[in-house]
């Protein structure tokens, strides 16, 4: 009798537990199965804006002529330090021999036609016993070596291996007046101005033929 009572109680407890479990499952919110997220595409980096290749090779040779240039009627060699910047050195003939060095900065070296700005330092050699006549006035003078700073700007046209360099500029002497008149001659203002025009410094108008060397 006691055993039957115990079994009946166990069955009742089992029924209550099953009913509680079912009610608990019904009250819980249903959780959808985890869904896989679509793959994230890799970040696309913006392409870097690279400068177009320069038309100038690493080195070039130029033949130059004109009035007031740092190398006179002469020859110059240039080396490209950067696509926009070169260092150049040259020598030639002008009022005495000339030798110098300079820098040029190009605004658009990737184009066939590019403006540029430059600066040069040049030295002019000594000349002796030069005779000059203006109207009826005559004089003899000598010219000491001079140092000149040239400020320059112009255009470089480089369609291929051969190019053209046109320049306007101005040269300022930093070594004083190099002219000495002989025999104590005191020239007129007109004659002195003439000598100053042909002495180192002043306005530059020059033209050069540039040859790209190498590739």
N, C-alpha and C. Protein backbone atom coordinates (compact mmCIF):
# COMPACT_ATOMS: atom_id res chain seq x y z
N UNK A 1 0.84 -1.21 0.00
CA UNK A 1 0.00 0.00 0.00
C UNK A 1 0.86 1.24 0.00
N UNK A 2 1.86 1.20 0.86
CA UNK A 2 2.77 2.39 0.91
C UNK A 2 3.54 2.52 -0.39
N UNK A 3 3.95 1.41 -1.00
CA UNK A 3 4.69 1.46 -2.24
C UNK A 3 3.85 2.04 -3.36
N UNK A 4 2.59 1.69 -3.40
CA UNK A 4 1.71 2.23 -4.43
C UNK A 4 1.56 3.74 -4.29
N UNK A 5 1.53 4.18 -3.05
CA UNK A 5 1.41 5.63 -2.82
C UNK A 5 2.66 6.38 -3.31
N UNK A 6 3.81 5.77 -3.09
CA UNK A 6 5.06 6.42 -3.52
C UNK A 6 5.14 6.49 -5.03
N UNK A 7 4.74 5.40 -5.71
CA UNK A 7 4.80 5.40 -7.18
C UNK A 7 3.84 6.43 -7.76
N UNK A 8 2.67 6.53 -7.15
CA UNK A 8 1.70 7.51 -7.65
C UNK A 8 2.23 8.93 -7.49
N UNK A 9 2.92 9.20 -6.39
CA UNK A 9 3.50 10.54 -6.21
C UNK A 9 4.60 10.82 -7.22
N UNK A 10 5.43 9.83 -7.52
CA UNK A 10 6.50 10.04 -8.51
C UNK A 10 5.95 10.34 -9.88
N UNK A 11 4.86 9.60 -10.25
CA UNK A 11 4.25 9.86 -11.55
C UNK A 11 3.66 11.26 -11.62
N UNK A 12 3.05 11.70 -10.51
CA UNK A 12 2.48 13.06 -10.49
C UNK A 12 3.56 14.12 -10.66
N UNK A 13 4.68 13.95 -9.95
CA UNK A 13 5.78 14.91 -10.07
C UNK A 13 6.34 14.93 -11.49
N UNK A 14 6.43 13.74 -12.11
CA UNK A 14 6.96 13.69 -13.49
C UNK A 14 6.05 14.43 -14.44
N UNK A 15 4.72 14.27 -14.26
CA UNK A 15 3.78 14.97 -15.14
C UNK A 15 3.88 16.47 -14.97
N UNK A 16 4.03 16.91 -13.69
CA UNK A 16 4.17 18.36 -13.45
C UNK A 16 5.43 18.90 -14.09
N UNK A 17 6.57 18.18 -14.02
CA UNK A 17 7.83 18.65 -14.62
C UNK A 17 7.74 18.77 -16.12
N UNK A 18 7.08 17.78 -16.78
CA UNK A 18 6.94 17.85 -18.23
C UNK A 18 6.08 19.04 -18.65
N UNK A 19 4.99 19.26 -17.87
CA UNK A 19 4.11 20.40 -18.20
C UNK A 19 4.85 21.72 -18.04
N UNK A 20 5.70 21.85 -17.02
CA UNK A 20 6.45 23.11 -16.80
C UNK A 20 7.47 23.34 -17.91
N UNK A 21 8.10 22.21 -18.31
CA UNK A 21 9.10 22.36 -19.38
C UNK A 21 8.45 22.81 -20.67
N UNK A 22 7.27 22.25 -21.01
CA UNK A 22 6.59 22.65 -22.24
C UNK A 22 6.16 24.11 -22.19
N UNK A 23 5.63 24.53 -21.00
CA UNK A 23 5.21 25.94 -20.89
C UNK A 23 6.40 26.88 -20.98
N UNK A 24 7.56 26.47 -20.46
CA UNK A 24 8.78 27.31 -20.52
C UNK A 24 9.25 27.47 -21.96
N UNK A 25 9.20 26.39 -22.71
CA UNK A 25 9.61 26.48 -24.10
C UNK A 25 8.68 27.37 -24.90
N UNK A 26 7.38 27.34 -24.58
CA UNK A 26 6.43 28.15 -25.34
C UNK A 26 6.59 29.63 -25.03
N UNK A 27 6.99 29.97 -23.80
CA UNK A 27 7.12 31.39 -23.44
C UNK A 27 8.43 31.99 -23.91
N UNK A 28 9.44 31.21 -24.20
CA UNK A 28 10.72 31.76 -24.68
C UNK A 28 10.61 32.21 -26.13
N UNK A 29 11.19 33.38 -26.45
CA UNK A 29 11.15 33.81 -27.86
C UNK A 29 12.00 32.90 -28.72
N UNK A 30 11.52 32.69 -29.91
CA UNK A 30 12.28 31.83 -30.83
C UNK A 30 13.48 32.61 -31.38
N UNK A 31 14.64 32.04 -31.38
CA UNK A 31 15.87 32.67 -31.87
C UNK A 31 16.17 32.13 -33.24
N UNK A 32 16.19 33.00 -34.24
CA UNK A 32 16.48 32.49 -35.59
C UNK A 32 17.91 31.99 -35.66
N UNK A 33 18.13 31.05 -36.50
CA UNK A 33 19.52 30.56 -36.65
C UNK A 33 20.43 31.65 -37.16
N UNK A 34 21.65 31.57 -36.69
CA UNK A 34 22.63 32.58 -37.09
C UNK A 34 22.83 32.54 -38.60
N UNK A 35 22.78 33.75 -39.19
CA UNK A 35 22.98 33.85 -40.64
C UNK A 35 24.38 34.37 -40.93
N UNK A 36 25.02 33.80 -41.90
CA UNK A 36 26.37 34.24 -42.27
C UNK A 36 26.30 35.57 -43.01
N UNK A 37 27.15 36.50 -42.58
CA UNK A 37 27.18 37.82 -43.21
C UNK A 37 27.91 37.74 -44.55
N UNK A 38 27.50 38.57 -45.50
CA UNK A 38 28.23 38.55 -46.79
C UNK A 38 29.66 39.03 -46.59
N UNK A 39 30.58 38.50 -47.37
CA UNK A 39 31.99 38.90 -47.21
C UNK A 39 32.18 40.39 -47.49
N UNK A 40 33.00 41.02 -46.67
CA UNK A 40 33.28 42.46 -46.83
C UNK A 40 34.37 42.62 -47.87
N UNK A 41 34.12 43.38 -48.95
CA UNK A 41 35.17 43.55 -49.96
C UNK A 41 36.33 44.34 -49.39
N UNK A 42 37.52 44.05 -49.84
CA UNK A 42 38.69 44.81 -49.33
C UNK A 42 38.58 46.27 -49.70
N UNK A 43 39.11 47.11 -48.83
CA UNK A 43 39.06 48.56 -49.06
C UNK A 43 39.85 48.90 -50.31
N UNK A 44 39.26 49.74 -51.13
CA UNK A 44 39.91 50.18 -52.35
C UNK A 44 40.61 51.49 -52.08
N UNK A 45 41.92 51.48 -52.13
CA UNK A 45 42.69 52.70 -51.88
C UNK A 45 42.69 53.57 -53.12
N UNK A 46 42.57 54.89 -52.95
CA UNK A 46 42.64 55.77 -54.13
C UNK A 46 44.01 55.70 -54.75
N UNK A 47 44.02 55.69 -56.06
CA UNK A 47 45.30 55.62 -56.77
C UNK A 47 46.05 56.92 -56.59
N UNK A 48 47.33 56.80 -56.40
CA UNK A 48 48.16 57.98 -56.21
C UNK A 48 48.34 58.70 -57.54
N UNK A 49 48.28 60.02 -57.47
CA UNK A 49 48.47 60.83 -58.67
C UNK A 49 49.96 60.97 -58.95
N UNK A 50 50.46 60.18 -59.86
CA UNK A 50 51.88 60.24 -60.18
C UNK A 50 52.11 61.25 -61.30
N UNK A 51 53.20 61.93 -61.23
CA UNK A 51 53.52 62.93 -62.24
C UNK A 51 53.95 62.26 -63.53
N UNK A 52 53.53 62.84 -64.65
CA UNK A 52 53.89 62.27 -65.94
C UNK A 52 55.40 62.32 -66.11
N UNK A 53 55.94 61.38 -66.89
CA UNK A 53 57.40 61.36 -67.08
C UNK A 53 57.90 62.65 -67.72
N UNK A 54 59.10 63.08 -67.32
CA UNK A 54 59.70 64.27 -67.90
C UNK A 54 60.20 63.98 -69.31
N UNK A 55 60.24 65.01 -70.13
CA UNK A 55 60.79 64.89 -71.47
C UNK A 55 62.30 65.06 -71.49
N UNK A 56 62.90 65.37 -70.34
CA UNK A 56 64.33 65.64 -70.28
C UNK A 56 65.07 64.41 -69.77
N UNK A 57 66.15 64.08 -70.43
CA UNK A 57 66.99 62.98 -69.97
C UNK A 57 67.83 63.45 -68.78
N UNK A 58 68.54 62.51 -68.17
CA UNK A 58 69.30 62.85 -66.97
C UNK A 58 70.39 63.89 -67.24
N UNK A 59 70.83 64.00 -68.48
CA UNK A 59 71.84 65.00 -68.81
C UNK A 59 71.60 65.52 -70.22
N UNK A 60 72.06 66.73 -70.46
CA UNK A 60 71.89 67.36 -71.77
C UNK A 60 73.05 68.31 -72.04
N UNK A 61 73.24 68.60 -73.31
CA UNK A 61 74.29 69.52 -73.77
C UNK A 61 73.61 70.64 -74.56
N UNK A 62 74.05 71.87 -74.35
CA UNK A 62 73.45 72.99 -75.07
C UNK A 62 74.52 73.88 -75.68
N UNK A 63 74.21 74.38 -76.87
CA UNK A 63 75.02 75.39 -77.54
C UNK A 63 74.26 76.70 -77.44
N UNK A 64 74.90 77.73 -76.86
CA UNK A 64 74.19 78.96 -76.52
C UNK A 64 74.82 80.17 -77.20
N UNK A 65 73.97 81.11 -77.58
CA UNK A 65 74.42 82.35 -78.21
C UNK A 65 73.43 83.44 -77.87
N UNK A 66 73.90 84.70 -77.96
CA UNK A 66 73.02 85.82 -77.69
C UNK A 66 73.76 86.94 -76.99
N UNK A 67 73.00 87.76 -76.31
CA UNK A 67 73.55 88.95 -75.66
C UNK A 67 73.34 88.87 -74.16
N UNK A 68 74.44 88.99 -73.40
CA UNK A 68 74.34 89.10 -71.95
C UNK A 68 74.16 87.80 -71.20
N UNK A 69 74.29 86.65 -71.86
CA UNK A 69 74.12 85.38 -71.18
C UNK A 69 75.29 85.03 -70.28
N UNK A 70 75.09 84.14 -69.30
CA UNK A 70 76.18 83.80 -68.38
C UNK A 70 77.33 83.06 -69.05
N UNK A 71 77.03 82.36 -70.17
CA UNK A 71 78.09 81.63 -70.87
C UNK A 71 78.45 82.25 -72.21
N UNK A 72 77.87 83.44 -72.52
CA UNK A 72 78.18 84.11 -73.77
C UNK A 72 77.85 83.23 -74.96
N UNK A 73 78.76 83.23 -75.94
CA UNK A 73 78.66 82.31 -77.07
C UNK A 73 79.46 81.07 -76.68
N UNK A 74 78.75 80.07 -76.18
CA UNK A 74 79.49 78.96 -75.62
C UNK A 74 78.69 77.67 -75.55
N UNK A 75 79.13 76.80 -74.65
CA UNK A 75 78.55 75.48 -74.50
C UNK A 75 78.30 75.22 -73.01
N UNK A 76 77.23 74.47 -72.71
CA UNK A 76 76.89 74.19 -71.31
C UNK A 76 76.42 72.75 -71.19
N UNK A 77 76.65 72.18 -70.02
CA UNK A 77 76.20 70.83 -69.69
C UNK A 77 75.22 70.93 -68.53
N UNK A 78 74.11 70.19 -68.59
CA UNK A 78 73.10 70.22 -67.54
C UNK A 78 72.82 68.81 -67.05
N UNK A 79 72.63 68.68 -65.75
CA UNK A 79 72.28 67.40 -65.13
C UNK A 79 70.98 67.58 -64.35
N UNK A 80 70.00 66.68 -64.58
CA UNK A 80 68.70 66.76 -63.91
C UNK A 80 68.80 66.22 -62.49
N UNK A 81 68.74 67.10 -61.50
CA UNK A 81 68.70 66.67 -60.11
C UNK A 81 67.35 66.06 -59.76
N UNK A 82 66.28 66.62 -60.33
CA UNK A 82 64.90 66.15 -60.18
C UNK A 82 64.22 66.39 -61.52
N UNK A 83 63.02 65.82 -61.73
CA UNK A 83 62.34 66.07 -63.01
C UNK A 83 62.15 67.55 -63.33
N UNK A 84 62.01 68.39 -62.29
CA UNK A 84 61.79 69.82 -62.52
C UNK A 84 63.05 70.68 -62.35
N UNK A 85 64.14 70.12 -61.89
CA UNK A 85 65.29 70.94 -61.49
C UNK A 85 66.57 70.39 -62.11
N UNK A 86 67.34 71.27 -62.74
CA UNK A 86 68.67 70.86 -63.23
C UNK A 86 69.74 71.80 -62.71
N UNK A 87 70.96 71.31 -62.70
CA UNK A 87 72.15 72.12 -62.42
C UNK A 87 72.96 72.14 -63.69
N UNK A 88 73.44 73.33 -64.05
CA UNK A 88 74.16 73.46 -65.32
C UNK A 88 75.44 74.24 -65.13
N UNK A 89 76.40 73.96 -65.97
CA UNK A 89 77.70 74.65 -65.95
C UNK A 89 78.17 74.81 -67.38
N UNK A 90 78.85 75.94 -67.65
CA UNK A 90 79.28 76.17 -69.02
C UNK A 90 80.38 77.20 -69.10
N UNK A 91 80.86 77.38 -70.32
CA UNK A 91 81.90 78.37 -70.60
C UNK A 91 81.74 78.84 -72.04
N UNK A 92 82.32 80.00 -72.31
CA UNK A 92 82.23 80.54 -73.65
C UNK A 92 82.95 81.87 -73.77
N UNK A 93 82.65 82.58 -74.84
CA UNK A 93 83.27 83.86 -75.13
C UNK A 93 82.22 84.95 -75.09
N UNK A 94 82.57 86.08 -74.52
CA UNK A 94 81.73 87.25 -74.50
C UNK A 94 82.63 88.46 -74.46
N UNK A 95 82.42 89.32 -73.45
CA UNK A 95 83.39 90.38 -73.18
C UNK A 95 84.46 89.73 -72.31
N UNK A 96 85.45 89.13 -72.98
CA UNK A 96 86.40 88.27 -72.30
C UNK A 96 85.81 86.87 -72.19
N UNK A 97 86.60 85.92 -71.70
CA UNK A 97 86.08 84.58 -71.51
C UNK A 97 85.06 84.53 -70.37
N UNK A 98 84.13 83.55 -70.45
CA UNK A 98 83.09 83.43 -69.43
C UNK A 98 83.04 81.99 -68.94
N UNK A 99 82.77 81.83 -67.66
CA UNK A 99 82.56 80.52 -67.06
C UNK A 99 81.58 80.68 -65.91
N UNK A 100 80.72 79.68 -65.69
CA UNK A 100 79.73 79.84 -64.64
C UNK A 100 78.99 78.56 -64.33
N UNK A 101 78.08 78.67 -63.39
CA UNK A 101 77.25 77.55 -62.94
C UNK A 101 75.88 78.10 -62.58
N UNK A 102 74.83 77.25 -62.68
CA UNK A 102 73.49 77.75 -62.39
C UNK A 102 72.48 76.65 -62.16
N UNK A 103 71.25 77.06 -61.86
CA UNK A 103 70.12 76.16 -61.64
C UNK A 103 68.96 76.62 -62.50
N UNK A 104 68.18 75.64 -63.00
CA UNK A 104 66.95 75.95 -63.72
C UNK A 104 65.82 75.12 -63.14
N UNK A 105 64.65 75.76 -62.93
CA UNK A 105 63.47 75.08 -62.42
C UNK A 105 62.38 75.16 -63.49
N UNK A 106 61.91 73.98 -63.94
CA UNK A 106 60.91 73.89 -65.01
C UNK A 106 59.52 73.70 -64.40
N UNK A 107 58.55 74.42 -64.93
CA UNK A 107 57.20 74.33 -64.41
C UNK A 107 56.45 73.12 -64.93
N UNK A 108 56.66 72.74 -66.20
CA UNK A 108 55.93 71.62 -66.80
C UNK A 108 56.89 70.77 -67.64
N UNK A 109 57.78 70.01 -66.99
CA UNK A 109 58.76 69.24 -67.75
C UNK A 109 58.15 68.06 -68.51
N UNK A 110 56.88 67.70 -68.23
CA UNK A 110 56.24 66.61 -68.94
C UNK A 110 55.68 67.05 -70.29
N UNK A 111 55.63 68.37 -70.52
CA UNK A 111 55.11 68.91 -71.78
C UNK A 111 56.25 69.24 -72.74
N UNK A 112 55.91 69.32 -74.01
CA UNK A 112 56.92 69.71 -75.00
C UNK A 112 57.40 71.13 -74.76
N UNK A 113 56.50 72.02 -74.32
CA UNK A 113 56.85 73.42 -74.05
C UNK A 113 56.69 73.70 -72.57
N UNK A 114 57.77 74.14 -71.93
CA UNK A 114 57.73 74.39 -70.48
C UNK A 114 58.39 75.72 -70.15
N UNK A 115 57.73 76.57 -69.37
CA UNK A 115 58.41 77.75 -68.83
C UNK A 115 59.44 77.32 -67.78
N UNK A 116 60.42 78.18 -67.55
CA UNK A 116 61.40 77.90 -66.51
C UNK A 116 61.88 79.20 -65.88
N UNK A 117 62.42 79.06 -64.66
CA UNK A 117 63.09 80.16 -63.96
C UNK A 117 64.47 79.65 -63.55
N UNK A 118 65.45 80.57 -63.56
CA UNK A 118 66.81 80.14 -63.23
C UNK A 118 67.63 81.23 -62.62
N UNK A 119 68.76 80.80 -62.05
CA UNK A 119 69.75 81.72 -61.50
C UNK A 119 71.13 81.16 -61.82
N UNK A 120 72.04 82.06 -62.21
CA UNK A 120 73.41 81.67 -62.53
C UNK A 120 74.39 82.63 -61.88
N UNK A 121 75.56 82.11 -61.59
CA UNK A 121 76.69 82.94 -61.17
C UNK A 121 77.80 82.71 -62.18
N UNK A 122 78.30 83.80 -62.75
CA UNK A 122 79.30 83.68 -63.81
C UNK A 122 80.46 84.65 -63.57
N UNK A 123 81.59 84.29 -64.13
CA UNK A 123 82.78 85.13 -64.05
C UNK A 123 83.24 85.46 -65.46
N UNK A 124 83.48 86.75 -65.71
CA UNK A 124 84.02 87.21 -66.98
C UNK A 124 85.49 87.52 -66.82
N UNK A 125 86.26 87.17 -67.84
CA UNK A 125 87.71 87.36 -67.77
C UNK A 125 88.16 88.79 -68.04
N UNK A 126 89.45 88.99 -67.96
CA UNK A 126 90.06 90.31 -68.17
C UNK A 126 90.25 90.58 -69.66
N UNK A 127 90.05 91.84 -70.06
CA UNK A 127 90.41 92.30 -71.40
C UNK A 127 91.25 93.57 -71.26
N UNK A 128 92.17 93.76 -72.18
CA UNK A 128 93.14 94.85 -72.07
C UNK A 128 93.16 95.70 -73.33
N UNK A 129 93.36 97.02 -73.13
CA UNK A 129 93.64 97.96 -74.20
C UNK A 129 92.62 97.90 -75.34
N UNK A 130 91.38 98.14 -74.97
CA UNK A 130 90.31 98.15 -75.96
C UNK A 130 90.11 99.59 -76.40
N UNK A 131 90.11 99.82 -77.71
CA UNK A 131 89.91 101.16 -78.24
C UNK A 131 88.45 101.33 -78.64
N UNK A 132 87.87 102.45 -78.26
CA UNK A 132 86.47 102.72 -78.57
C UNK A 132 86.37 104.15 -79.09
N UNK A 133 85.49 104.35 -80.09
CA UNK A 133 85.28 105.67 -80.67
C UNK A 133 83.79 105.96 -80.74
N UNK A 134 83.39 107.13 -80.28
CA UNK A 134 82.01 107.57 -80.35
C UNK A 134 82.00 109.00 -80.88
N UNK A 135 81.41 109.18 -82.06
CA UNK A 135 81.46 110.46 -82.76
C UNK A 135 82.92 110.82 -82.99
N UNK A 136 83.40 111.88 -82.40
CA UNK A 136 84.81 112.25 -82.57
C UNK A 136 85.65 111.92 -81.34
N UNK A 137 85.02 111.33 -80.34
CA UNK A 137 85.74 111.03 -79.09
C UNK A 137 86.32 109.62 -79.16
N UNK A 138 87.60 109.52 -78.76
CA UNK A 138 88.28 108.24 -78.73
C UNK A 138 88.83 107.98 -77.33
N UNK A 139 88.88 106.72 -76.97
CA UNK A 139 89.41 106.36 -75.65
C UNK A 139 89.89 104.92 -75.71
N UNK A 140 90.78 104.59 -74.77
CA UNK A 140 91.28 103.22 -74.60
C UNK A 140 91.02 102.80 -73.16
N UNK A 141 90.50 101.62 -72.99
CA UNK A 141 90.18 101.16 -71.63
C UNK A 141 90.53 99.69 -71.48
N UNK A 142 90.60 99.24 -70.23
CA UNK A 142 90.76 97.82 -69.88
C UNK A 142 89.64 97.45 -68.92
N UNK A 143 89.38 96.13 -68.85
CA UNK A 143 88.30 95.65 -68.01
C UNK A 143 88.80 94.50 -67.14
N UNK A 144 88.66 94.67 -65.83
CA UNK A 144 89.09 93.64 -64.89
C UNK A 144 88.07 92.50 -64.86
N UNK A 145 88.46 91.32 -64.34
CA UNK A 145 87.50 90.23 -64.19
C UNK A 145 86.31 90.66 -63.34
N UNK A 146 85.12 90.13 -63.68
CA UNK A 146 83.89 90.52 -63.00
C UNK A 146 83.10 89.28 -62.57
N UNK A 147 82.38 89.41 -61.46
CA UNK A 147 81.43 88.39 -61.04
C UNK A 147 80.02 88.92 -61.22
N UNK A 148 79.14 88.09 -61.82
CA UNK A 148 77.79 88.53 -62.16
C UNK A 148 76.78 87.46 -61.71
N UNK A 149 75.70 87.92 -61.08
CA UNK A 149 74.56 87.05 -60.77
C UNK A 149 73.49 87.29 -61.84
N UNK A 150 73.08 86.21 -62.51
CA UNK A 150 72.08 86.31 -63.57
C UNK A 150 70.75 85.74 -63.08
N UNK A 151 69.69 86.54 -63.16
CA UNK A 151 68.33 86.07 -62.92
C UNK A 151 67.66 85.88 -64.27
N UNK A 152 67.12 84.66 -64.51
CA UNK A 152 66.71 84.31 -65.86
C UNK A 152 65.32 83.67 -65.86
N UNK A 153 64.63 83.80 -66.96
CA UNK A 153 63.38 83.08 -67.20
C UNK A 153 63.22 82.89 -68.70
N UNK A 154 62.45 81.87 -69.06
CA UNK A 154 62.30 81.61 -70.48
C UNK A 154 61.45 80.40 -70.74
N UNK A 155 61.59 79.86 -71.95
CA UNK A 155 60.83 78.70 -72.39
C UNK A 155 61.77 77.65 -72.96
N UNK A 156 61.47 76.39 -72.64
CA UNK A 156 62.20 75.28 -73.24
C UNK A 156 61.22 74.46 -74.07
N UNK A 157 61.53 74.31 -75.34
CA UNK A 157 60.72 73.50 -76.25
C UNK A 157 61.50 72.24 -76.57
N UNK A 158 60.98 71.09 -76.15
CA UNK A 158 61.70 69.84 -76.29
C UNK A 158 60.76 68.80 -76.93
N UNK A 159 60.56 68.87 -78.25
CA UNK A 159 59.66 67.90 -78.89
C UNK A 159 60.29 66.52 -79.03
N UNK A 160 61.60 66.43 -78.97
CA UNK A 160 62.30 65.16 -79.12
C UNK A 160 63.70 65.24 -78.56
N UNK A 161 64.64 64.63 -79.26
CA UNK A 161 66.02 64.66 -78.79
C UNK A 161 66.60 66.06 -78.82
N UNK A 162 66.23 66.84 -79.83
CA UNK A 162 66.70 68.21 -79.96
C UNK A 162 65.64 69.17 -79.43
N UNK A 163 66.09 70.23 -78.78
CA UNK A 163 65.18 71.23 -78.24
C UNK A 163 65.77 72.63 -78.36
N UNK A 164 64.97 73.61 -78.01
CA UNK A 164 65.37 75.02 -78.08
C UNK A 164 65.09 75.67 -76.74
N UNK A 165 66.02 76.50 -76.29
CA UNK A 165 65.88 77.23 -75.02
C UNK A 165 65.98 78.72 -75.30
N UNK A 166 64.89 79.45 -75.09
CA UNK A 166 64.90 80.89 -75.25
C UNK A 166 64.85 81.57 -73.88
N UNK A 167 65.70 82.58 -73.67
CA UNK A 167 65.86 83.16 -72.34
C UNK A 167 65.88 84.68 -72.38
N UNK A 168 65.19 85.27 -71.40
CA UNK A 168 65.31 86.69 -71.08
C UNK A 168 65.78 86.78 -69.64
N UNK A 169 66.65 87.75 -69.36
CA UNK A 169 67.15 87.85 -67.99
C UNK A 169 67.88 89.15 -67.75
N UNK A 170 68.48 89.20 -66.56
CA UNK A 170 69.25 90.39 -66.19
C UNK A 170 70.40 89.94 -65.30
N UNK A 171 71.58 90.52 -65.58
CA UNK A 171 72.77 90.22 -64.79
C UNK A 171 73.21 91.41 -63.96
N UNK A 172 73.45 91.16 -62.68
CA UNK A 172 73.89 92.22 -61.77
C UNK A 172 75.31 91.92 -61.30
N UNK A 173 76.23 92.86 -61.53
CA UNK A 173 77.60 92.68 -61.06
C UNK A 173 77.67 92.83 -59.55
N UNK A 174 78.47 91.95 -58.91
CA UNK A 174 78.69 92.08 -57.47
C UNK A 174 80.15 92.36 -57.15
N UNK A 175 80.92 92.71 -58.18
CA UNK A 175 82.34 93.02 -57.97
C UNK A 175 82.69 94.46 -58.31
N UNK A 176 81.70 95.34 -58.50
CA UNK A 176 81.99 96.75 -58.78
C UNK A 176 82.27 96.99 -60.25
N UNK A 177 82.57 98.25 -60.56
CA UNK A 177 82.83 98.66 -61.95
C UNK A 177 84.20 98.14 -62.38
N UNK A 178 84.26 97.31 -63.43
CA UNK A 178 85.56 96.76 -63.84
C UNK A 178 86.33 97.63 -64.83
N UNK A 179 85.75 98.74 -65.30
CA UNK A 179 86.33 99.50 -66.41
C UNK A 179 87.33 100.53 -65.89
N UNK A 180 88.49 100.58 -66.53
CA UNK A 180 89.52 101.60 -66.24
C UNK A 180 89.94 102.24 -67.55
N UNK A 181 89.81 103.58 -67.66
CA UNK A 181 90.24 104.29 -68.87
C UNK A 181 91.72 104.64 -68.75
N UNK A 182 92.43 104.51 -69.86
CA UNK A 182 93.86 104.74 -69.86
C UNK A 182 94.19 106.22 -70.04
N UNK A 183 95.42 106.53 -69.65
CA UNK A 183 96.00 107.86 -69.85
C UNK A 183 95.19 108.95 -69.15
N UNK A 184 94.51 108.60 -68.07
CA UNK A 184 93.75 109.59 -67.32
C UNK A 184 92.60 110.19 -68.08
N UNK A 185 92.13 109.48 -69.12
CA UNK A 185 91.05 110.04 -69.93
C UNK A 185 89.74 110.06 -69.13
N UNK A 186 89.06 111.19 -69.18
CA UNK A 186 87.77 111.34 -68.54
C UNK A 186 86.71 111.33 -69.63
N UNK A 187 86.07 110.16 -69.86
CA UNK A 187 85.14 110.06 -71.00
C UNK A 187 83.87 110.85 -70.75
N UNK A 188 83.21 111.18 -71.83
CA UNK A 188 81.90 111.81 -71.72
C UNK A 188 80.88 110.78 -71.21
N UNK A 189 79.74 111.29 -70.79
CA UNK A 189 78.69 110.39 -70.29
C UNK A 189 78.23 109.43 -71.38
N UNK A 190 78.16 109.91 -72.63
CA UNK A 190 77.73 109.05 -73.73
C UNK A 190 78.71 107.92 -73.96
N UNK A 191 80.01 108.21 -73.93
CA UNK A 191 81.01 107.17 -74.15
C UNK A 191 81.05 106.19 -72.99
N UNK A 192 80.94 106.69 -71.78
CA UNK A 192 80.93 105.79 -70.61
C UNK A 192 79.72 104.85 -70.66
N UNK A 193 78.55 105.40 -71.05
CA UNK A 193 77.37 104.55 -71.16
C UNK A 193 77.54 103.46 -72.21
N UNK A 194 78.20 103.80 -73.32
CA UNK A 194 78.46 102.81 -74.35
C UNK A 194 79.33 101.68 -73.82
N UNK A 195 80.39 102.04 -73.08
CA UNK A 195 81.27 101.02 -72.52
C UNK A 195 80.52 100.16 -71.50
N UNK A 196 79.65 100.79 -70.71
CA UNK A 196 78.89 100.04 -69.72
C UNK A 196 77.93 99.05 -70.38
N UNK A 197 77.39 99.42 -71.54
CA UNK A 197 76.46 98.53 -72.23
C UNK A 197 77.15 97.24 -72.65
N UNK A 198 78.40 97.33 -73.08
CA UNK A 198 79.10 96.14 -73.56
C UNK A 198 79.92 95.46 -72.46
N UNK A 199 79.88 95.99 -71.24
CA UNK A 199 80.58 95.34 -70.12
C UNK A 199 79.68 94.26 -69.53
N UNK A 200 80.24 93.34 -68.70
CA UNK A 200 79.43 92.25 -68.14
C UNK A 200 78.25 92.76 -67.34
N UNK A 201 77.15 92.00 -67.37
CA UNK A 201 75.92 92.38 -66.67
C UNK A 201 74.93 93.05 -67.61
N UNK A 202 73.78 93.40 -67.07
CA UNK A 202 72.75 94.03 -67.86
C UNK A 202 71.76 93.02 -68.43
N UNK A 203 71.03 93.46 -69.44
CA UNK A 203 69.95 92.67 -70.03
C UNK A 203 70.50 91.47 -70.79
N UNK A 204 69.79 90.35 -70.67
CA UNK A 204 70.15 89.13 -71.42
C UNK A 204 69.04 88.78 -72.39
N UNK A 205 69.40 88.50 -73.63
CA UNK A 205 68.53 87.90 -74.64
C UNK A 205 69.35 86.81 -75.31
N UNK A 206 68.99 85.56 -75.09
CA UNK A 206 69.82 84.47 -75.61
C UNK A 206 68.97 83.32 -76.11
N UNK A 207 69.59 82.48 -76.90
CA UNK A 207 68.93 81.33 -77.51
C UNK A 207 69.90 80.15 -77.47
N UNK A 208 69.39 78.98 -77.15
CA UNK A 208 70.24 77.81 -77.06
C UNK A 208 69.63 76.60 -77.78
N UNK A 209 70.48 75.75 -78.30
CA UNK A 209 70.09 74.47 -78.88
C UNK A 209 70.43 73.39 -77.87
N UNK A 210 69.41 72.65 -77.36
CA UNK A 210 69.62 71.65 -76.32
C UNK A 210 69.53 70.25 -76.94
N UNK A 211 70.49 69.41 -76.57
CA UNK A 211 70.55 68.04 -77.06
C UNK A 211 70.41 67.10 -75.86
N UNK A 212 69.32 66.31 -75.82
CA UNK A 212 69.17 65.30 -74.78
C UNK A 212 70.23 64.22 -74.98
N UNK A 213 70.96 63.89 -73.92
CA UNK A 213 71.97 62.84 -73.97
C UNK A 213 71.39 61.57 -73.35
N UNK A 214 71.65 60.44 -73.96
CA UNK A 214 71.13 59.19 -73.42
C UNK A 214 69.64 59.09 -73.65
N UNK A 215 68.99 58.22 -72.83
CA UNK A 215 67.55 57.99 -72.96
C UNK A 215 66.77 58.99 -72.12
